Amino acid sequence: MATQKLNELALGYSVAIISAVSMLLLGVLGPLGIYSGMASMMQDGHMFFALSPLGVIFGIIEAGILGFLGGFLTAKLYNIFADK
C-alpha cells in the first residue's frame, strides 16, 4: 500500500494564514475586553506582539513565520516517517 505524502508548502502556508488571522483577531478583540486573558498570554509568549497597532502588525508577521515553519517541518517529518 502506497502512503500519501503531505505537501509541505501547502501545510506551511495554511498554518501561517491561520496563525496570522488568529493574531489579528486577538489584536483587535483584546483591547475591547474580549479574550483579553488570551491576548495577555500572547504578549507574554510572543516577542513582538503588543496591543498597539504596530505591535499587532509585528505579531501577525511573527505568527505567520512561526506558523509556516511549524507546518512545513511537521509535513516534512511526516513524509520522512511515512516512507519507512
PDB file of N, CA and C in Angstrom:
ATOM      1  N   MET A   1       0.843  -1.186   0.000  1.00  0.00           N
ATOM      2  CA  MET A   1       0.000   0.000   0.000  1.00  0.00           C
ATOM      3  C   MET A   1       0.886   1.247   0.000  1.00  0.00           C
ATOM      4  N   ALA A   2       0.654   2.120  -0.942  1.00  0.00           N
ATOM      5  CA  ALA A   2       1.434   3.353  -1.048  1.00  0.00           C
ATOM      6  C   ALA A   2       0.902   4.384  -0.056  1.00  0.00           C
ATOM      7  N   THR A   3       1.830   5.046   0.594  1.00  0.00           N
ATOM      8  CA  THR A   3       1.425   6.099   1.532  1.00  0.00           C
ATOM      9  C   THR A   3       1.332   7.423   0.801  1.00  0.00           C
ATOM     10  N   GLN A   4       0.389   8.221   1.208  1.00  0.00           N
ATOM     11  CA  GLN A   4       0.262   9.544   0.613  1.00  0.00           C
ATOM     12  C   GLN A   4       1.191  10.506   1.325  1.00  0.00           C
ATOM     13  N   LYS A   5       1.737  11.418   0.570  1.00  0.00           N
ATOM     14  CA  LYS A   5       2.627  12.422   1.135  1.00  0.00           C
ATOM     15  C   LYS A   5       1.872  13.727   1.329  1.00  0.00           C
ATOM     16  N   LEU A   6       2.310  14.471   2.319  1.00  0.00           N
ATOM     17  CA  LEU A   6       1.765  15.802   2.543  1.00  0.00           C
ATOM     18  C   LEU A   6       2.555  16.815   1.727  1.00  0.00           C
ATOM     19  N   ASN A   7       1.870  17.820   1.235  1.00  0.00           N
ATOM     20  CA  ASN A   7       2.532  18.920   0.539  1.00  0.00           C
ATOM     21  C   ASN A   7       3.040  19.885   1.603  1.00  0.00           C
ATOM     22  N   GLU A   8       4.357  19.949   1.745  1.00  0.00           N
ATOM     23  CA  GLU A   8       4.954  20.751   2.812  1.00  0.00           C
ATOM     24  C   GLU A   8       4.592  22.230   2.713  1.00  0.00           C
ATOM     25  N   LEU A   9       4.676  22.767   1.508  1.00  0.00           N
ATOM     26  CA  LEU A   9       4.384  24.192   1.336  1.00  0.00           C
ATOM     27  C   LEU A   9       2.920  24.503   1.616  1.00  0.00           C
ATOM     28  N   ALA A  10       2.025  23.629   1.170  1.00  0.00           N
ATOM     29  CA  ALA A  10       0.598  23.868   1.388  1.00  0.00           C
ATOM     30  C   ALA A  10       0.268  23.867   2.876  1.00  0.00           C
ATOM     31  N   LEU A  11       0.812  22.909   3.621  1.00  0.00           N
ATOM     32  CA  LEU A  11       0.554  22.876   5.061  1.00  0.00           C
ATOM     33  C   LEU A  11       1.196  24.075   5.747  1.00  0.00           C
ATOM     34  N   GLY A  12       2.399  24.444   5.327  1.00  0.00           N
ATOM     35  CA  GLY A  12       3.066  25.606   5.906  1.00  0.00           C
ATOM     36  C   GLY A  12       2.274  26.887   5.696  1.00  0.00           C
ATOM     37  N   TYR A  13       1.814  27.101   4.469  1.00  0.00           N
ATOM     38  CA  TYR A  13       1.013  28.298   4.180  1.00  0.00           C
ATOM     39  C   TYR A  13      -0.312  28.289   4.942  1.00  0.00           C
ATOM     40  N   SER A  14      -0.939  27.123   5.039  1.00  0.00           N
ATOM     41  CA  SER A  14      -2.223  27.034   5.736  1.00  0.00           C
ATOM     42  C   SER A  14      -2.083  27.387   7.211  1.00  0.00           C
ATOM     43  N   VAL A  15      -1.076  26.824   7.853  1.00  0.00           N
ATOM     44  CA  VAL A  15      -0.867  27.114   9.276  1.00  0.00           C
ATOM     45  C   VAL A  15      -0.450  28.571   9.464  1.00  0.00           C
ATOM     46  N   ALA A  16       0.335  29.113   8.543  1.00  0.00           N
ATOM     47  CA  ALA A  16       0.746  30.513   8.633  1.00  0.00           C
ATOM     48  C   ALA A  16      -0.463  31.443   8.558  1.00  0.00           C
ATOM     49  N   ILE A  17      -1.383  31.160   7.647  1.00  0.00           N
ATOM     50  CA  ILE A  17      -2.575  32.003   7.499  1.00  0.00           C
ATOM     51  C   ILE A  17      -3.453  31.920   8.742  1.00  0.00           C
ATOM     52  N   ILE A  18      -3.678  30.700   9.232  1.00  0.00           N
ATOM     53  CA  ILE A  18      -4.495  30.543  10.437  1.00  0.00           C
ATOM     54  C   ILE A  18      -3.852  31.252  11.625  1.00  0.00           C
ATOM     55  N   SER A  19      -2.539  31.139  11.773  1.00  0.00           N
ATOM     56  CA  SER A  19      -1.828  31.791  12.877  1.00  0.00           C
ATOM     57  C   SER A  19      -1.921  33.312  12.774  1.00  0.00           C
ATOM     58  N   ALA A  20      -1.725  33.834  11.570  1.00  0.00           N
ATOM     59  CA  ALA A  20      -1.759  35.284  11.379  1.00  0.00           C
ATOM     60  C   ALA A  20      -3.156  35.855  11.624  1.00  0.00           C
ATOM     61  N   VAL A  21      -4.181  35.165  11.137  1.00  0.00           N
ATOM     62  CA  VAL A  21      -5.560  35.627  11.353  1.00  0.00           C
ATOM     63  C   VAL A  21      -5.917  35.562  12.833  1.00  0.00           C
ATOM     64  N   SER A  22      -5.479  34.517  13.512  1.00  0.00           N
ATOM     65  CA  SER A  22      -5.730  34.415  14.956  1.00  0.00           C
ATOM     66  C   SER A  22      -5.079  35.565  15.712  1.00  0.00           C
ATOM     67  N   MET A  23      -3.873  35.904  15.328  1.00  0.00           N
ATOM     68  CA  MET A  23      -3.179  37.009  15.991  1.00  0.00           C
ATOM     69  C   MET A  23      -3.881  38.329  15.697  1.00  0.00           C
ATOM     70  N   LEU A  24      -4.375  38.505  14.476  1.00  0.00           N
ATOM     71  CA  LEU A  24      -5.123  39.706  14.128  1.00  0.00           C
ATOM     72  C   LEU A  24      -6.382  39.822  14.987  1.00  0.00           C
ATOM     73  N   LEU A  25      -7.116  38.724  15.105  1.00  0.00           N
ATOM     74  CA  LEU A  25      -8.336  38.742  15.916  1.00  0.00           C
ATOM     75  C   LEU A  25      -8.034  39.066  17.378  1.00  0.00           C
ATOM     76  N   LEU A  26      -6.972  38.496  17.921  1.00  0.00           N
ATOM     77  CA  LEU A  26      -6.605  38.815  19.298  1.00  0.00           C
ATOM     78  C   LEU A  26      -6.189  40.275  19.434  1.00  0.00           C
ATOM     79  N   GLY A  27      -5.501  40.786  18.422  1.00  0.00           N
ATOM     80  CA  GLY A  27      -5.086  42.184  18.474  1.00  0.00           C
ATOM     81  C   GLY A  27      -6.248  43.150  18.386  1.00  0.00           C
ATOM     82  N   VAL A  28      -7.322  42.761  17.700  1.00  0.00           N
ATOM     83  CA  VAL A  28      -8.495  43.617  17.571  1.00  0.00           C
ATOM     84  C   VAL A  28      -9.431  43.446  18.767  1.00  0.00           C
ATOM     85  N   LEU A  29      -9.643  42.199  19.186  1.00  0.00           N
ATOM     86  CA  LEU A  29     -10.601  41.932  20.255  1.00  0.00           C
ATOM     87  C   LEU A  29     -10.026  42.129  21.654  1.00  0.00           C
ATOM     88  N   GLY A  30      -8.713  41.983  21.809  1.00  0.00           N
ATOM     89  CA  GLY A  30      -8.082  42.141  23.124  1.00  0.00           C
ATOM     90  C   GLY A  30      -8.332  43.491  23.768  1.00  0.00           C
ATOM     91  N   PRO A  31      -8.116  44.586  23.056  1.00  0.00           N
ATOM     92  CA  PRO A  31      -8.369  45.904  23.654  1.00  0.00           C
ATOM     93  C   PRO A  31      -9.854  46.158  23.957  1.00  0.00           C
ATOM     94  N   LEU A  32     -10.731  45.413  23.306  1.00  0.00           N
ATOM     95  CA  LEU A  32     -12.161  45.576  23.557  1.00  0.00           C
ATOM     96  C   LEU A  32     -12.624  44.787  24.781  1.00  0.00           C
ATOM     97  N   GLY A  33     -11.713  44.033  25.393  1.00  0.00           N
ATOM     98  CA  GLY A  33     -12.055  43.248  26.567  1.00  0.00           C
ATOM     99  C   GLY A  33     -12.518  41.842  26.249  1.00  0.00           C
ATOM    100  N   ILE A  34     -12.536  41.474  24.969  1.00  0.00           N
ATOM    101  CA  ILE A  34     -12.923  40.134  24.554  1.00  0.00           C
ATOM    102  C   ILE A  34     -11.637  39.324  24.388  1.00  0.00           C
ATOM    103  N   TYR A  35     -11.561  38.194  25.054  1.00  0.00           N
ATOM    104  CA  TYR A  35     -10.353  37.360  25.048  1.00  0.00           C
ATOM    105  C   TYR A  35      -9.132  38.137  25.541  1.00  0.00           C
ATOM    106  N   SER A  36      -9.330  39.015  26.493  1.00  0.00           N
ATOM    107  CA  SER A  36      -8.209  39.811  26.988  1.00  0.00           C
ATOM    108  C   SER A  36      -7.186  38.942  27.712  1.00  0.00           C
ATOM    109  N   GLY A  37      -7.642  37.869  28.352  1.00  0.00           N
ATOM    110  CA  GLY A  37      -6.699  36.951  29.003  1.00  0.00           C
ATOM    111  C   GLY A  37      -5.797  36.275  27.990  1.00  0.00           C
ATOM    112  N   MET A  38      -6.371  35.849  26.877  1.00  0.00           N
ATOM    113  CA  MET A  38      -5.577  35.207  25.824  1.00  0.00           C
ATOM    114  C   MET A  38      -4.632  36.215  25.175  1.00  0.00           C
ATOM    115  N   ALA A  39      -5.101  37.431  24.981  1.00  0.00           N
ATOM    116  CA  ALA A  39      -4.232  38.469  24.416  1.00  0.00           C
ATOM    117  C   ALA A  39      -3.054  38.739  25.338  1.00  0.00           C
ATOM    118  N   SER A  40      -3.306  38.719  26.631  1.00  0.00           N
ATOM    119  CA  SER A  40      -2.228  38.905  27.600  1.00  0.00           C
ATOM    120  C   SER A  40      -1.230  37.747  27.528  1.00  0.00           C
ATOM    121  N   MET A  41      -1.732  36.529  27.381  1.00  0.00           N
ATOM    122  CA  MET A  41      -0.840  35.375  27.244  1.00  0.00           C
ATOM    123  C   MET A  41      -0.014  35.467  25.966  1.00  0.00           C
ATOM    124  N   MET A  42      -0.614  35.987  24.894  1.00  0.00           N
ATOM    125  CA  MET A  42       0.126  36.149  23.642  1.00  0.00           C
ATOM    126  C   MET A  42       1.244  37.178  23.803  1.00  0.00           C
ATOM    127  N   GLN A  43       0.968  38.224  24.570  1.00  0.00           N
ATOM    128  CA  GLN A  43       2.012  39.212  24.819  1.00  0.00           C
ATOM    129  C   GLN A  43       3.173  38.596  25.590  1.00  0.00           C
ATOM    130  N   ASP A  44       2.855  37.699  26.513  1.00  0.00           N
ATOM    131  CA  ASP A  44       3.904  37.036  27.283  1.00  0.00           C
ATOM    132  C   ASP A  44       4.671  36.023  26.437  1.00  0.00           C
ATOM    133  N   GLY A  45       3.989  35.366  25.505  1.00  0.00           N
ATOM    134  CA  GLY A  45       4.600  34.281  24.748  1.00  0.00           C
ATOM    135  C   GLY A  45       5.244  34.677  23.433  1.00  0.00           C
ATOM    136  N   HIS A  46       4.910  35.843  22.912  1.00  0.00           N
ATOM    137  CA  HIS A  46       5.473  36.278  21.631  1.00  0.00           C
ATOM    138  C   HIS A  46       6.315  37.524  21.833  1.00  0.00           C
ATOM    139  N   MET A  47       7.454  37.522  21.200  1.00  0.00           N
ATOM    140  CA  MET A  47       8.414  38.592  21.395  1.00  0.00           C
ATOM    141  C   MET A  47       7.935  39.944  20.869  1.00  0.00           C
ATOM    142  N   PHE A  48       7.196  39.952  19.766  1.00  0.00           N
ATOM    143  CA  PHE A  48       6.857  41.211  19.111  1.00  0.00           C
ATOM    144  C   PHE A  48       5.402  41.626  19.241  1.00  0.00           C
ATOM    145  N   PHE A  49       4.527  40.772  19.788  1.00  0.00           N
ATOM    146  CA  PHE A  49       3.107  41.089  19.867  1.00  0.00           C
ATOM    147  C   PHE A  49       2.835  42.052  21.018  1.00  0.00           C
ATOM    148  N   ALA A  50       2.034  43.078  20.743  1.00  0.00           N
ATOM    149  CA  ALA A  50       1.574  44.032  21.760  1.00  0.00           C
ATOM    150  C   ALA A  50       0.205  44.544  21.324  1.00  0.00           C
ATOM    151  N   LEU A  51      -0.549  45.075  22.258  1.00  0.00           N
ATOM    152  CA  LEU A  51      -1.893  45.575  21.948  1.00  0.00           C
ATOM    153  C   LEU A  51      -1.833  47.016  21.452  1.00  0.00           C
ATOM    154  N   SER A  52      -1.004  47.257  20.476  1.00  0.00           N
ATOM    155  CA  SER A  52      -0.921  48.536  19.778  1.00  0.00           C
ATOM    156  C   SER A  52      -0.943  48.210  18.289  1.00  0.00           C
ATOM    157  N   PRO A  53      -1.271  49.156  17.441  1.00  0.00           N
ATOM    158  CA  PRO A  53      -1.323  48.847  16.004  1.00  0.00           C
ATOM    159  C   PRO A  53      -0.013  48.260  15.463  1.00  0.00           C
ATOM    160  N   LEU A  54       1.105  48.840  15.843  1.00  0.00           N
ATOM    161  CA  LEU A  54       2.392  48.326  15.368  1.00  0.00           C
ATOM    162  C   LEU A  54       2.696  46.962  15.988  1.00  0.00           C
ATOM    163  N   GLY A  55       2.342  46.793  17.253  1.00  0.00           N
ATOM    164  CA  GLY A  55       2.552  45.507  17.920  1.00  0.00           C
ATOM    165  C   GLY A  55       1.720  44.397  17.307  1.00  0.00           C
ATOM    166  N   VAL A  56       0.508  44.713  16.893  1.00  0.00           N
ATOM    167  CA  VAL A  56      -0.348  43.717  16.247  1.00  0.00           C
ATOM    168  C   VAL A  56       0.231  43.342  14.883  1.00  0.00           C
ATOM    169  N   ILE A  57       0.713  44.310  14.132  1.00  0.00           N
ATOM    170  CA  ILE A  57       1.304  44.030  12.821  1.00  0.00           C
ATOM    171  C   ILE A  57       2.532  43.133  12.969  1.00  0.00           C
ATOM    172  N   PHE A  58       3.403  43.475  13.924  1.00  0.00           N
ATOM    173  CA  PHE A  58       4.583  42.642  14.144  1.00  0.00           C
ATOM    174  C   PHE A  58       4.203  41.262  14.676  1.00  0.00           C
ATOM    175  N   GLY A  59       3.160  41.190  15.490  1.00  0.00           N
ATOM    176  CA  GLY A  59       2.679  39.907  15.983  1.00  0.00           C
ATOM    177  C   GLY A  59       2.141  39.035  14.865  1.00  0.00           C
ATOM    178  N   ILE A  60       1.439  39.647  13.922  1.00  0.00           N
ATOM    179  CA  ILE A  60       0.924  38.904  12.766  1.00  0.00           C
ATOM    180  C   ILE A  60       2.080  38.345  11.939  1.00  0.00           C
ATOM    181  N   ILE A  61       3.094  39.164  11.715  1.00  0.00           N
ATOM    182  CA  ILE A  61       4.257  38.710  10.947  1.00  0.00           C
ATOM    183  C   ILE A  61       4.962  37.569  11.677  1.00  0.00           C
ATOM    184  N   GLU A  62       5.159  37.742  12.984  1.00  0.00           N
ATOM    185  CA  GLU A  62       5.822  36.698  13.769  1.00  0.00           C
ATOM    186  C   GLU A  62       5.025  35.393  13.757  1.00  0.00           C
ATOM    187  N   ALA A  63       3.719  35.493  13.967  1.00  0.00           N
ATOM    188  CA  ALA A  63       2.876  34.293  13.981  1.00  0.00           C
ATOM    189  C   ALA A  63       2.870  33.615  12.617  1.00  0.00           C
ATOM    190  N   GLY A  64       2.857  34.401  11.552  1.00  0.00           N
ATOM    191  CA  GLY A  64       2.889  33.825  10.211  1.00  0.00           C
ATOM    192  C   GLY A  64       4.173  33.060   9.941  1.00  0.00           C
ATOM    193  N   ILE A  65       5.288  33.639  10.330  1.00  0.00           N
ATOM    194  CA  ILE A  65       6.578  32.981  10.116  1.00  0.00           C
ATOM    195  C   ILE A  65       6.680  31.710  10.948  1.00  0.00           C
ATOM    196  N   LEU A  66       6.341  31.805  12.237  1.00  0.00           N
ATOM    197  CA  LEU A  66       6.420  30.631  13.104  1.00  0.00           C
ATOM    198  C   LEU A  66       5.423  29.556  12.681  1.00  0.00           C
ATOM    199  N   GLY A  67       4.233  29.972  12.255  1.00  0.00           N
ATOM    200  CA  GLY A  67       3.242  29.017  11.782  1.00  0.00           C
ATOM    201  C   GLY A  67       3.701  28.302  10.530  1.00  0.00           C
ATOM    202  N   PHE A  68       4.280  29.049   9.595  1.00  0.00           N
ATOM    203  CA  PHE A  68       4.781  28.430   8.376  1.00  0.00           C
ATOM    204  C   PHE A  68       5.864  27.406   8.693  1.00  0.00           C
ATOM    205  N   LEU A  69       6.820  27.805   9.525  1.00  0.00           N
ATOM    206  CA  LEU A  69       7.905  26.887   9.866  1.00  0.00           C
ATOM    207  C   LEU A  69       7.383  25.634  10.566  1.00  0.00           C
ATOM    208  N   GLY A  70       6.446  25.819  11.486  1.00  0.00           N
ATOM    209  CA  GLY A  70       5.877  24.671  12.182  1.00  0.00           C
ATOM    210  C   GLY A  70       5.132  23.731  11.254  1.00  0.00           C
ATOM    211  N   GLY A  71       4.298  24.276  10.384  1.00  0.00           N
ATOM    212  CA  GLY A  71       3.554  23.455   9.439  1.00  0.00           C
ATOM    213  C   GLY A  71       4.457  22.764   8.436  1.00  0.00           C
ATOM    214  N   PHE A  72       5.431  23.492   7.915  1.00  0.00           N
ATOM    215  CA  PHE A  72       6.351  22.934   6.928  1.00  0.00           C
ATOM    216  C   PHE A  72       7.163  21.792   7.527  1.00  0.00           C
ATOM    217  N   LEU A  73       7.723  22.019   8.722  1.00  0.00           N
ATOM    218  CA  LEU A  73       8.541  20.981   9.350  1.00  0.00           C
ATOM    219  C   LEU A  73       7.715  19.780   9.773  1.00  0.00           C
ATOM    220  N   THR A  74       6.476  20.005  10.201  1.00  0.00           N
ATOM    221  CA  THR A  74       5.601  18.892  10.545  1.00  0.00           C
ATOM    222  C   THR A  74       5.346  18.014   9.324  1.00  0.00           C
ATOM    223  N   ALA A  75       5.032  18.622   8.182  1.00  0.00           N
ATOM    224  CA  ALA A  75       4.785  17.862   6.960  1.00  0.00           C
ATOM    225  C   ALA A  75       6.056  17.153   6.495  1.00  0.00           C
ATOM    226  N   LYS A  76       7.188  17.822   6.618  1.00  0.00           N
ATOM    227  CA  LYS A  76       8.457  17.220   6.207  1.00  0.00           C
ATOM    228  C   LYS A  76       8.758  15.977   7.038  1.00  0.00           C
ATOM    229  N   LEU A  77       8.598  16.090   8.360  1.00  0.00           N
ATOM    230  CA  LEU A  77       8.830  14.945   9.230  1.00  0.00           C
ATOM    231  C   LEU A  77       7.831  13.824   8.968  1.00  0.00           C
ATOM    232  N   TYR A  78       6.583  14.189   8.738  1.00  0.00           N
ATOM    233  CA  TYR A  78       5.567  13.180   8.425  1.00  0.00           C
ATOM    234  C   TYR A  78       5.956  12.403   7.172  1.00  0.00           C
ATOM    235  N   ASN A  79       6.383  13.120   6.154  1.00  0.00           N
ATOM    236  CA  ASN A  79       6.772  12.452   4.904  1.00  0.00           C
ATOM    237  C   ASN A  79       7.978  11.536   5.084  1.00  0.00           C
ATOM    238  N   ILE A  80       8.902  11.935   5.953  1.00  0.00           N
ATOM    239  CA  ILE A  80      10.059  11.083   6.227  1.00  0.00           C
ATOM    240  C   ILE A  80       9.618   9.792   6.903  1.00  0.00           C
ATOM    241  N   PHE A  81       8.772   9.904   7.918  1.00  0.00           N
ATOM    242  CA  PHE A  81       8.339   8.716   8.653  1.00  0.00           C
ATOM    243  C   PHE A  81       7.321   7.898   7.863  1.00  0.00           C
ATOM    244  N   ALA A  82       6.565   8.502   6.984  1.00  0.00           N
ATOM    245  CA  ALA A  82       5.582   7.769   6.184  1.00  0.00           C
ATOM    246  C   ALA A  82       6.266   6.864   5.162  1.00  0.00           C
ATOM    247  N   ASP A  83       7.485   7.204   4.767  1.00  0.00           N
ATOM    248  CA  ASP A  83       8.214   6.394   3.792  1.00  0.00           C
ATOM    249  C   ASP A  83       8.790   5.116   4.408  1.00  0.00           C
ATOM    250  N   LYS A  84       8.902   5.072   5.698  1.00  0.00           N
ATOM    251  CA  LYS A  84       9.555   3.918   6.352  1.00  0.00           C
ATOM    252  C   LYS A  84       8.581   2.820   6.649  1.00  0.00           C
TER     253      LYS A  84
END
